Amino acid sequence: MKWMLCCYAGMTTSILAQKLEEEGASRGIGLKVDAVPIAEAESLVSDEISAIILGPHVRFMKDQIERVAGSIPVYVIPPQDFGMMNSKGIVDAVLALIG
């Protein structure tokens, strides 16, 4: 399973991406999370992606990303989960969104 995690520059979320992958591994899920700058997100959307995750600071881009994403679910991380790097809560929420 592949997720795209978007923020302004893709650097802040690289730590969170690693934590999400570790959480997935602890559940037996082969999860790959790519942290990317929001400016590149539209060009990186592909059928390989199961979910697009936005940091709370780029939530204003949700509508635009959803238009490009088509059927790929888009999730905005709540500020408290982002600040606490709550990988368990984020993985739970994204898996529920995916179905």
Protein backbone atom coordinates (compact mmCIF):
# COMPACT_ATOMS: atom_id res chain seq x y z
CA MET A 1 0.00 0.00 0.00
CA LYS A 2 1.35 3.43 -0.94
CA TRP A 3 0.36 6.76 0.60
CA MET A 4 1.42 10.28 -0.34
CA LEU A 5 1.95 12.64 2.59
CA CYS A 6 1.98 16.33 1.63
CA CYS A 7 3.28 19.41 3.41
CA TYR A 8 4.90 22.64 2.28
CA ALA A 9 8.39 21.35 1.54
CA GLY A 10 8.18 17.63 2.26
CA MET A 11 10.84 17.78 4.96
CA THR A 12 8.79 18.17 8.14
CA THR A 13 6.64 15.22 7.25
CA SER A 14 9.53 12.89 6.42
CA ILE A 15 9.75 11.96 10.11
CA LEU A 16 6.00 11.39 10.24
CA ALA A 17 6.17 9.30 7.05
CA GLN A 18 8.72 7.04 8.73
CA LYS A 19 6.53 6.71 11.82
CA LEU A 20 3.51 5.83 9.66
CA GLU A 21 5.51 3.13 7.88
CA GLU A 22 6.64 1.74 11.24
CA GLU A 23 3.03 1.71 12.47
CA GLY A 24 1.98 -0.11 9.32
CA ALA A 25 4.77 -2.66 9.79
CA SER A 26 3.68 -3.26 13.40
CA ARG A 27 0.25 -4.18 12.00
CA GLY A 28 1.64 -6.39 9.25
CA ILE A 29 0.77 -3.85 6.55
CA GLY A 30 3.36 -3.24 3.85
CA LEU A 31 3.00 0.53 3.89
CA LYS A 32 5.14 2.95 1.86
CA VAL A 33 4.65 6.64 2.65
CA ASP A 34 6.23 9.28 0.41
CA ALA A 35 6.56 12.77 1.92
CA VAL A 36 6.27 15.34 -0.86
CA PRO A 37 5.93 19.11 -1.17
CA ILE A 38 2.35 20.18 -1.87
CA ALA A 39 3.58 22.03 -4.97
CA GLU A 40 4.52 18.67 -6.52
CA ALA A 41 1.54 16.65 -5.30
CA GLU A 42 -0.67 17.06 -8.36
CA SER A 43 2.03 15.82 -10.71
CA LEU A 44 2.75 12.79 -8.50
CA VAL A 45 -0.81 11.45 -8.25
CA SER A 46 -0.98 7.98 -9.77
CA ASP A 47 -3.02 4.78 -9.61
CA GLU A 48 -0.35 3.30 -7.29
CA ILE A 49 -1.46 5.61 -4.46
CA SER A 50 -4.07 4.32 -2.01
CA ALA A 51 -4.45 7.59 -0.08
CA ILE A 52 -3.27 11.18 -0.08
CA ILE A 53 -2.64 12.71 3.33
CA LEU A 54 -2.36 16.45 3.88
CA GLY A 55 -0.64 18.10 6.80
CA PRO A 56 -2.94 20.53 8.62
CA HIS A 57 -0.97 23.51 7.33
CA VAL A 58 -1.88 22.64 3.69
CA ARG A 59 -5.53 21.71 4.32
CA PHE A 60 -6.56 24.67 2.17
CA MET A 61 -5.43 22.58 -0.85
CA LYS A 62 -7.84 19.70 -0.14
CA ASP A 63 -10.47 20.60 -2.76
CA GLN A 64 -7.85 21.08 -5.45
CA ILE A 65 -6.07 17.81 -4.60
CA GLU A 66 -9.40 15.94 -4.52
CA ARG A 67 -10.16 17.09 -8.07
CA VAL A 68 -6.85 15.69 -9.30
CA ALA A 69 -7.01 12.57 -7.11
CA GLY A 70 -10.27 11.30 -8.55
CA SER A 71 -11.23 8.19 -6.54
CA ILE A 72 -8.14 8.32 -4.28
CA PRO A 73 -9.23 9.32 -0.76
CA VAL A 74 -7.74 12.54 0.65
CA TYR A 75 -7.29 12.88 4.41
CA VAL A 76 -6.34 16.01 6.35
CA ILE A 77 -4.41 15.27 9.53
CA PRO A 78 -5.93 17.03 12.55
CA PRO A 79 -3.45 19.55 14.03
CA GLN A 80 -3.21 17.68 17.35
CA ASP A 81 -2.38 14.37 15.62
CA PHE A 82 0.21 16.10 13.46
CA GLY A 83 1.82 17.89 16.40
CA MET A 84 1.95 14.73 18.50
CA MET A 85 3.00 12.60 15.50
CA ASN A 86 0.13 10.27 16.41
CA SER A 87 0.94 7.64 13.82
CA LYS A 88 -1.52 5.13 15.31
CA GLY A 89 -4.44 7.56 15.08
CA ILE A 90 -3.50 8.68 11.58
CA VAL A 91 -3.14 5.12 10.29
CA ASP A 92 -6.49 4.21 11.89
CA ALA A 93 -8.21 7.18 10.25
CA VAL A 94 -6.71 6.63 6.79
CA LEU A 95 -7.46 2.90 6.82
CA ALA A 96 -11.07 3.69 7.79
CA LEU A 97 -11.25 6.22 4.93
CA ILE A 98 -9.90 3.73 2.44
CA GLY A 99 -12.38 1.12 3.64
